[in-house]
Amino acid sequence: MGNGSYRPELRAILREKQGGRCCYCDVRMRISFKSKMRPDSETLEHLDRRTDRGGNDRGNIALACYRCNTGRGASTVVPR
């Protein structure tokens, strides 16, 4: 899931819930435009990957930094 305008209200809820930190590595994240992504940019992450039938429901989405989200690949990582 990219860093576009997907559900800004969901991003705000998750940002508040997670204290602005990555669900995996706990780094403080920045809000960035998709064209200017940085390792600490905020991204929406499917905890159960879509390829593993993970859906878009709120319970399956968290905020992860760009580094963790893109580096996860096929691995199973447990969020903090």
PDB file of N, CA and C in Angstrom:
ATOM      1  N   MET A   1       0.849  -1.156   0.000  1.00  0.00           N
ATOM      2  CA  MET A   1       0.000   0.000   0.000  1.00  0.00           C
ATOM      3  C   MET A   1       0.898   1.223   0.000  1.00  0.00           C
ATOM      4  N   GLY A   2       0.709   2.100  -0.939  1.00  0.00           N
ATOM      5  CA  GLY A   2       1.579   3.261  -1.071  1.00  0.00           C
ATOM      6  C   GLY A   2       1.307   4.326  -0.037  1.00  0.00           C
ATOM      7  N   ASN A   3       1.988   5.420  -0.170  1.00  0.00           N
ATOM      8  CA  ASN A   3       1.870   6.508   0.794  1.00  0.00           C
ATOM      9  C   ASN A   3       1.002   7.635   0.246  1.00  0.00           C
ATOM     10  N   GLY A   4       0.053   7.312  -0.645  1.00  0.00           N
ATOM     11  CA  GLY A   4      -0.832   8.318  -1.222  1.00  0.00           C
ATOM     12  C   GLY A   4      -1.868   8.776  -0.220  1.00  0.00           C
ATOM     13  N   SER A   5      -3.027   9.128  -0.704  1.00  0.00           N
ATOM     14  CA  SER A   5      -4.057   9.694   0.155  1.00  0.00           C
ATOM     15  C   SER A   5      -5.002   8.631   0.699  1.00  0.00           C
ATOM     16  N   TYR A   6      -4.575   7.380   0.777  1.00  0.00           N
ATOM     17  CA  TYR A   6      -5.427   6.304   1.264  1.00  0.00           C
ATOM     18  C   TYR A   6      -5.867   6.573   2.692  1.00  0.00           C
ATOM     19  N   ARG A   7      -7.135   6.835   2.849  1.00  0.00           N
ATOM     20  CA  ARG A   7      -7.762   7.009   4.150  1.00  0.00           C
ATOM     21  C   ARG A   7      -6.953   7.856   5.127  1.00  0.00           C
ATOM     22  N   PRO A   8      -6.913   9.139   4.906  1.00  0.00           N
ATOM     23  CA  PRO A   8      -6.160  10.003   5.826  1.00  0.00           C
ATOM     24  C   PRO A   8      -6.619   9.865   7.274  1.00  0.00           C
ATOM     25  N   GLU A   9      -7.915   9.613   7.480  1.00  0.00           N
ATOM     26  CA  GLU A   9      -8.405   9.461   8.851  1.00  0.00           C
ATOM     27  C   GLU A   9      -7.838   8.199   9.498  1.00  0.00           C
ATOM     28  N   LEU A  10      -7.647   7.141   8.719  1.00  0.00           N
ATOM     29  CA  LEU A  10      -7.040   5.921   9.255  1.00  0.00           C
ATOM     30  C   LEU A  10      -5.585   6.182   9.624  1.00  0.00           C
ATOM     31  N   ARG A  11      -4.874   6.894   8.781  1.00  0.00           N
ATOM     32  CA  ARG A  11      -3.481   7.258   9.091  1.00  0.00           C
ATOM     33  C   ARG A  11      -3.413   8.036  10.401  1.00  0.00           C
ATOM     34  N   ALA A  12      -4.322   8.991  10.573  1.00  0.00           N
ATOM     35  CA  ALA A  12      -4.327   9.812  11.792  1.00  0.00           C
ATOM     36  C   ALA A  12      -4.599   8.952  13.024  1.00  0.00           C
ATOM     37  N   ILE A  13      -5.537   8.025  12.915  1.00  0.00           N
ATOM     38  CA  ILE A  13      -5.851   7.130  14.032  1.00  0.00           C
ATOM     39  C   ILE A  13      -4.640   6.274  14.380  1.00  0.00           C
ATOM     40  N   LEU A  14      -4.009   5.691  13.363  1.00  0.00           N
ATOM     41  CA  LEU A  14      -2.842   4.835  13.602  1.00  0.00           C
ATOM     42  C   LEU A  14      -1.659   5.635  14.140  1.00  0.00           C
ATOM     43  N   ARG A  15      -1.471   6.850  13.629  1.00  0.00           N
ATOM     44  CA  ARG A  15      -0.377   7.712  14.098  1.00  0.00           C
ATOM     45  C   ARG A  15      -0.540   7.988  15.591  1.00  0.00           C
ATOM     46  N   GLU A  16      -1.768   8.291  15.996  1.00  0.00           N
ATOM     47  CA  GLU A  16      -2.066   8.548  17.414  1.00  0.00           C
ATOM     48  C   GLU A  16      -1.841   7.281  18.241  1.00  0.00           C
ATOM     49  N   LYS A  17      -2.378   6.172  17.784  1.00  0.00           N
ATOM     50  CA  LYS A  17      -2.279   4.891  18.499  1.00  0.00           C
ATOM     51  C   LYS A  17      -0.829   4.449  18.669  1.00  0.00           C
ATOM     52  N   GLN A  18      -0.020   4.636  17.630  1.00  0.00           N
ATOM     53  CA  GLN A  18       1.368   4.169  17.644  1.00  0.00           C
ATOM     54  C   GLN A  18       2.350   5.248  18.086  1.00  0.00           C
ATOM     55  N   GLY A  19       1.860   6.423  18.412  1.00  0.00           N
ATOM     56  CA  GLY A  19       2.749   7.499  18.847  1.00  0.00           C
ATOM     57  C   GLY A  19       3.681   7.974  17.750  1.00  0.00           C
ATOM     58  N   GLY A  20       3.280   7.797  16.484  1.00  0.00           N
ATOM     59  CA  GLY A  20       4.108   8.236  15.363  1.00  0.00           C
ATOM     60  C   GLY A  20       5.317   7.352  15.112  1.00  0.00           C
ATOM     61  N   ARG A  21       5.296   6.142  15.665  1.00  0.00           N
ATOM     62  CA  ARG A  21       6.449   5.243  15.559  1.00  0.00           C
ATOM     63  C   ARG A  21       6.129   4.006  14.725  1.00  0.00           C
ATOM     64  N   CYS A  22       7.163   3.463  14.101  1.00  0.00           N
ATOM     65  CA  CYS A  22       7.044   2.264  13.273  1.00  0.00           C
ATOM     66  C   CYS A  22       6.603   1.074  14.132  1.00  0.00           C
ATOM     67  N   CYS A  23       5.674   0.283  13.600  1.00  0.00           N
ATOM     68  CA  CYS A  23       5.181  -0.884  14.340  1.00  0.00           C
ATOM     69  C   CYS A  23       6.240  -1.980  14.468  1.00  0.00           C
ATOM     70  N   TYR A  24       7.311  -1.918  13.693  1.00  0.00           N
ATOM     71  CA  TYR A  24       8.362  -2.938  13.741  1.00  0.00           C
ATOM     72  C   TYR A  24       9.604  -2.482  14.508  1.00  0.00           C
ATOM     73  N   CYS A  25      10.183  -1.352  14.111  1.00  0.00           N
ATOM     74  CA  CYS A  25      11.482  -0.956  14.680  1.00  0.00           C
ATOM     75  C   CYS A  25      11.392   0.212  15.661  1.00  0.00           C
ATOM     76  N   ASP A  26      10.212   0.793  15.840  1.00  0.00           N
ATOM     77  CA  ASP A  26       9.958   1.856  16.808  1.00  0.00           C
ATOM     78  C   ASP A  26      10.612   3.193  16.456  1.00  0.00           C
ATOM     79  N   VAL A  27      11.096   3.359  15.226  1.00  0.00           N
ATOM     80  CA  VAL A  27      11.678   4.636  14.813  1.00  0.00           C
ATOM     81  C   VAL A  27      10.554   5.665  14.683  1.00  0.00           C
ATOM     82  N   ARG A  28      10.836   6.919  14.992  1.00  0.00           N
ATOM     83  CA  ARG A  28       9.866   7.990  14.768  1.00  0.00           C
ATOM     84  C   ARG A  28       9.799   8.229  13.268  1.00  0.00           C
ATOM     85  N   MET A  29       8.579   8.249  12.731  1.00  0.00           N
ATOM     86  CA  MET A  29       8.402   8.352  11.285  1.00  0.00           C
ATOM     87  C   MET A  29       8.041   9.765  10.858  1.00  0.00           C
ATOM     88  N   ARG A  30       8.341  10.057   9.593  1.00  0.00           N
ATOM     89  CA  ARG A  30       7.990  11.331   8.961  1.00  0.00           C
ATOM     90  C   ARG A  30       6.832  11.096   8.006  1.00  0.00           C
ATOM     91  N   ILE A  31       6.017  12.120   7.849  1.00  0.00           N
ATOM     92  CA  ILE A  31       4.983  12.088   6.820  1.00  0.00           C
ATOM     93  C   ILE A  31       5.638  12.613   5.558  1.00  0.00           C
ATOM     94  N   SER A  32       5.625  11.822   4.495  1.00  0.00           N
ATOM     95  CA  SER A  32       6.303  12.184   3.249  1.00  0.00           C
ATOM     96  C   SER A  32       5.379  11.965   2.064  1.00  0.00           C
ATOM     97  N   PHE A  33       5.638  12.685   0.990  1.00  0.00           N
ATOM     98  CA  PHE A  33       4.945  12.432  -0.262  1.00  0.00           C
ATOM     99  C   PHE A  33       5.579  11.214  -0.917  1.00  0.00           C
ATOM    100  N   LYS A  34       4.779  10.465  -1.656  1.00  0.00           N
ATOM    101  CA  LYS A  34       5.261   9.236  -2.289  1.00  0.00           C
ATOM    102  C   LYS A  34       6.489   9.485  -3.158  1.00  0.00           C
ATOM    103  N   SER A  35       6.564  10.646  -3.788  1.00  0.00           N
ATOM    104  CA  SER A  35       7.693  10.946  -4.668  1.00  0.00           C
ATOM    105  C   SER A  35       8.964  11.302  -3.894  1.00  0.00           C
ATOM    106  N   LYS A  36       8.869  11.479  -2.584  1.00  0.00           N
ATOM    107  CA  LYS A  36      10.030  11.877  -1.773  1.00  0.00           C
ATOM    108  C   LYS A  36      10.195  10.958  -0.568  1.00  0.00           C
ATOM    109  N   MET A  37      10.054   9.660  -0.781  1.00  0.00           N
ATOM    110  CA  MET A  37      10.144   8.707   0.322  1.00  0.00           C
ATOM    111  C   MET A  37      11.564   8.640   0.873  1.00  0.00           C
ATOM    112  N   ARG A  38      11.638   8.491   2.190  1.00  0.00           N
ATOM    113  CA  ARG A  38      12.897   8.345   2.918  1.00  0.00           C
ATOM    114  C   ARG A  38      12.801   7.062   3.742  1.00  0.00           C
ATOM    115  N   PRO A  39      13.890   6.560   4.276  1.00  0.00           N
ATOM    116  CA  PRO A  39      13.813   5.347   5.094  1.00  0.00           C
ATOM    117  C   PRO A  39      12.851   5.476   6.279  1.00  0.00           C
ATOM    118  N   ASP A  40      12.708   6.693   6.826  1.00  0.00           N
ATOM    119  CA  ASP A  40      11.827   6.884   7.980  1.00  0.00           C
ATOM    120  C   ASP A  40      10.453   7.439   7.599  1.00  0.00           C
ATOM    121  N   SER A  41      10.099   7.360   6.320  1.00  0.00           N
ATOM    122  CA  SER A  41       8.779   7.817   5.871  1.00  0.00           C
ATOM    123  C   SER A  41       7.693   6.848   6.332  1.00  0.00           C
ATOM    124  N   GLU A  42       6.555   7.392   6.685  1.00  0.00           N
ATOM    125  CA  GLU A  42       5.408   6.618   7.140  1.00  0.00           C
ATOM    126  C   GLU A  42       4.730   5.913   5.959  1.00  0.00           C
ATOM    127  N   THR A  43       4.470   4.616   6.107  1.00  0.00           N
ATOM    128  CA  THR A  43       3.734   3.859   5.094  1.00  0.00           C
ATOM    129  C   THR A  43       2.669   3.020   5.788  1.00  0.00           C
ATOM    130  N   LEU A  44       1.626   2.684   5.056  1.00  0.00           N
ATOM    131  CA  LEU A  44       0.616   1.765   5.565  1.00  0.00           C
ATOM    132  C   LEU A  44       1.090   0.347   5.290  1.00  0.00           C
ATOM    133  N   GLU A  45       1.003  -0.502   6.284  1.00  0.00           N
ATOM    134  CA  GLU A  45       1.499  -1.875   6.196  1.00  0.00           C
ATOM    135  C   GLU A  45       0.375  -2.862   6.474  1.00  0.00           C
ATOM    136  N   HIS A  46       0.234  -3.859   5.614  1.00  0.00           N
ATOM    137  CA  HIS A  46      -0.675  -4.972   5.885  1.00  0.00           C
ATOM    138  C   HIS A  46       0.074  -5.938   6.799  1.00  0.00           C
ATOM    139  N   LEU A  47      -0.418  -6.154   7.998  1.00  0.00           N
ATOM    140  CA  LEU A  47       0.256  -7.062   8.928  1.00  0.00           C
ATOM    141  C   LEU A  47       0.208  -8.495   8.396  1.00  0.00           C
ATOM    142  N   ASP A  48      -0.951  -8.919   7.928  1.00  0.00           N
ATOM    143  CA  ASP A  48      -1.055 -10.164   7.167  1.00  0.00           C
ATOM    144  C   ASP A  48      -1.058  -9.731   5.716  1.00  0.00           C
ATOM    145  N   ARG A  49      -0.014 -10.090   4.984  1.00  0.00           N
ATOM    146  CA  ARG A  49       0.160  -9.607   3.615  1.00  0.00           C
ATOM    147  C   ARG A  49      -1.044  -9.927   2.742  1.00  0.00           C
ATOM    148  N   ARG A  50      -1.291  -9.066   1.786  1.00  0.00           N
ATOM    149  CA  ARG A  50      -2.404  -9.289   0.855  1.00  0.00           C
ATOM    150  C   ARG A  50      -2.225 -10.601   0.108  1.00  0.00           C
ATOM    151  N   THR A  51      -0.994 -10.974  -0.193  1.00  0.00           N
ATOM    152  CA  THR A  51      -0.754 -12.242  -0.894  1.00  0.00           C
ATOM    153  C   THR A  51      -1.094 -13.444  -0.014  1.00  0.00           C
ATOM    154  N   ASP A  52      -1.161 -13.233   1.296  1.00  0.00           N
ATOM    155  CA  ASP A  52      -1.557 -14.286   2.239  1.00  0.00           C
ATOM    156  C   ASP A  52      -3.010 -14.116   2.666  1.00  0.00           C
ATOM    157  N   ARG A  53      -3.777 -13.413   1.839  1.00  0.00           N
ATOM    158  CA  ARG A  53      -5.198 -13.156   2.069  1.00  0.00           C
ATOM    159  C   ARG A  53      -5.468 -12.156   3.183  1.00  0.00           C
ATOM    160  N   GLY A  54      -4.487 -11.340   3.502  1.00  0.00           N
ATOM    161  CA  GLY A  54      -4.715 -10.262   4.461  1.00  0.00           C
ATOM    162  C   GLY A  54      -5.555  -9.179   3.806  1.00  0.00           C
ATOM    163  N   GLY A  55      -6.529  -8.680   4.501  1.00  0.00           N
ATOM    164  CA  GLY A  55      -7.439  -7.695   3.930  1.00  0.00           C
ATOM    165  C   GLY A  55      -7.078  -6.269   4.301  1.00  0.00           C
ATOM    166  N   ASN A  56      -7.948  -5.360   3.905  1.00  0.00           N
ATOM    167  CA  ASN A  56      -7.758  -3.937   4.182  1.00  0.00           C
ATOM    168  C   ASN A  56      -8.499  -3.480   5.432  1.00  0.00           C
ATOM    169  N   ASP A  57      -8.971  -4.406   6.257  1.00  0.00           N
ATOM    170  CA  ASP A  57      -9.678  -3.995   7.465  1.00  0.00           C
ATOM    171  C   ASP A  57      -8.701  -3.359   8.452  1.00  0.00           C
ATOM    172  N   ARG A  58      -9.211  -2.491   9.287  1.00  0.00           N
ATOM    173  CA  ARG A  58      -8.358  -1.717  10.206  1.00  0.00           C
ATOM    174  C   ARG A  58      -7.490  -2.583  11.107  1.00  0.00           C
ATOM    175  N   GLY A  59      -7.976  -3.745  11.488  1.00  0.00           N
ATOM    176  CA  GLY A  59      -7.202  -4.615  12.357  1.00  0.00           C
ATOM    177  C   GLY A  59      -5.988  -5.235  11.685  1.00  0.00           C
ATOM    178  N   ASN A  60      -5.911  -5.130  10.373  1.00  0.00           N
ATOM    179  CA  ASN A  60      -4.797  -5.712   9.631  1.00  0.00           C
ATOM    180  C   ASN A  60      -3.832  -4.653   9.110  1.00  0.00           C
ATOM    181  N   ILE A  61      -4.040  -3.401   9.461  1.00  0.00           N
ATOM    182  CA  ILE A  61      -3.194  -2.329   8.940  1.00  0.00           C
ATOM    183  C   ILE A  61      -2.538  -1.574  10.085  1.00  0.00           C
ATOM    184  N   ALA A  62      -1.257  -1.305   9.924  1.00  0.00           N
ATOM    185  CA  ALA A  62      -0.495  -0.513  10.889  1.00  0.00           C
ATOM    186  C   ALA A  62       0.410   0.421  10.097  1.00  0.00           C
ATOM    187  N   LEU A  63       1.051   1.344  10.796  1.00  0.00           N
ATOM    188  CA  LEU A  63       2.036   2.217  10.159  1.00  0.00           C
ATOM    189  C   LEU A  63       3.420   1.624  10.367  1.00  0.00           C
ATOM    190  N   ALA A  64       4.175   1.555   9.288  1.00  0.00           N
ATOM    191  CA  ALA A  64       5.555   1.071   9.340  1.00  0.00           C
ATOM    192  C   ALA A  64       6.427   2.051   8.573  1.00  0.00           C
ATOM    193  N   CYS A  65       7.677   2.168   8.976  1.00  0.00           N
ATOM    194  CA  CYS A  65       8.586   3.028   8.222  1.00  0.00           C
ATOM    195  C   CYS A  65       8.855   2.377   6.862  1.00  0.00           C
ATOM    196  N   TYR A  66       9.228   3.191   5.907  1.00  0.00           N
ATOM    197  CA  TYR A  66       9.476   2.716   4.540  1.00  0.00           C
ATOM    198  C   TYR A  66      10.530   1.608   4.533  1.00  0.00           C
ATOM    199  N   ARG A  67      11.566   1.763   5.352  1.00  0.00           N
ATOM    200  CA  ARG A  67      12.641   0.761   5.402  1.00  0.00           C
ATOM    201  C   ARG A  67      12.092  -0.606   5.815  1.00  0.00           C
ATOM    202  N   CYS A  68      11.313  -0.655   6.887  1.00  0.00           N
ATOM    203  CA  CYS A  68      10.765  -1.936   7.347  1.00  0.00           C
ATOM    204  C   CYS A  68       9.736  -2.490   6.368  1.00  0.00           C
ATOM    205  N   ASN A  69       8.888  -1.629   5.847  1.00  0.00           N
ATOM    206  CA  ASN A  69       7.824  -2.083   4.954  1.00  0.00           C
ATOM    207  C   ASN A  69       8.393  -2.675   3.670  1.00  0.00           C
ATOM    208  N   THR A  70       9.375  -2.033   3.079  1.00  0.00           N
ATOM    209  CA  THR A  70       9.939  -2.539   1.829  1.00  0.00           C
ATOM    210  C   THR A  70      10.923  -3.676   2.072  1.00  0.00           C
ATOM    211  N   GLY A  71      11.523  -3.744   3.235  1.00  0.00           N
ATOM    212  CA  GLY A  71      12.495  -4.788   3.534  1.00  0.00           C
ATOM    213  C   GLY A  71      11.881  -6.074   4.025  1.00  0.00           C
ATOM    214  N   ARG A  72      10.595  -6.045   4.326  1.00  0.00           N
ATOM    215  CA  ARG A  72       9.929  -7.215   4.888  1.00  0.00           C
ATOM    216  C   ARG A  72       9.863  -8.365   3.896  1.00  0.00           C
ATOM    217  N   GLY A  73       9.539  -8.080   2.662  1.00  0.00           N
ATOM    218  CA  GLY A  73       9.443  -9.126   1.648  1.00  0.00           C
ATOM    219  C   GLY A  73       8.482 -10.219   2.058  1.00  0.00           C
ATOM    220  N   ALA A  74       8.889 -11.457   1.895  1.00  0.00           N
ATOM    221  CA  ALA A  74       8.030 -12.600   2.208  1.00  0.00           C
ATOM    222  C   ALA A  74       8.157 -13.045   3.655  1.00  0.00           C
ATOM    223  N   SER A  75       9.001 -12.384   4.429  1.00  0.00           N
ATOM    224  CA  SER A  75       9.209 -12.814   5.807  1.00  0.00           C
ATOM    225  C   SER A  75       8.011 -12.460   6.681  1.00  0.00           C
ATOM    226  N   THR A  76       7.865 -13.203   7.737  1.00  0.00           N
ATOM    227  CA  THR A  76       6.826 -12.924   8.717  1.00  0.00           C
ATOM    228  C   THR A  76       7.489 -12.229   9.891  1.00  0.00           C
ATOM    229  N   VAL A  77       7.072 -11.013  10.138  1.00  0.00           N
ATOM    230  CA  VAL A  77       7.641 -10.218  11.219  1.00  0.00           C
ATOM    231  C   VAL A  77       6.513  -9.855  12.165  1.00  0.00           C
ATOM    232  N   VAL A  78       6.755 -10.004  13.447  1.00  0.00           N
ATOM    233  CA  VAL A  78       5.742  -9.664  14.436  1.00  0.00           C
ATOM    234  C   VAL A  78       5.919  -8.210  14.841  1.00  0.00           C
ATOM    235  N   PRO A  79       4.856  -7.386  14.700  1.00  0.00           N
ATOM    236  CA  PRO A  79       4.974  -5.984  15.101  1.00  0.00           C
ATOM    237  C   PRO A  79       5.124  -5.843  16.604  1.00  0.00           C
ATOM    238  N   ARG A  80       5.694  -4.724  17.030  1.00  0.00           N
ATOM    239  CA  ARG A  80       5.869  -4.420  18.457  1.00  0.00           C
ATOM    240  C   ARG A  80       4.540  -4.200  19.126  1.00  0.00           C
TER     241      ARG A  80
END
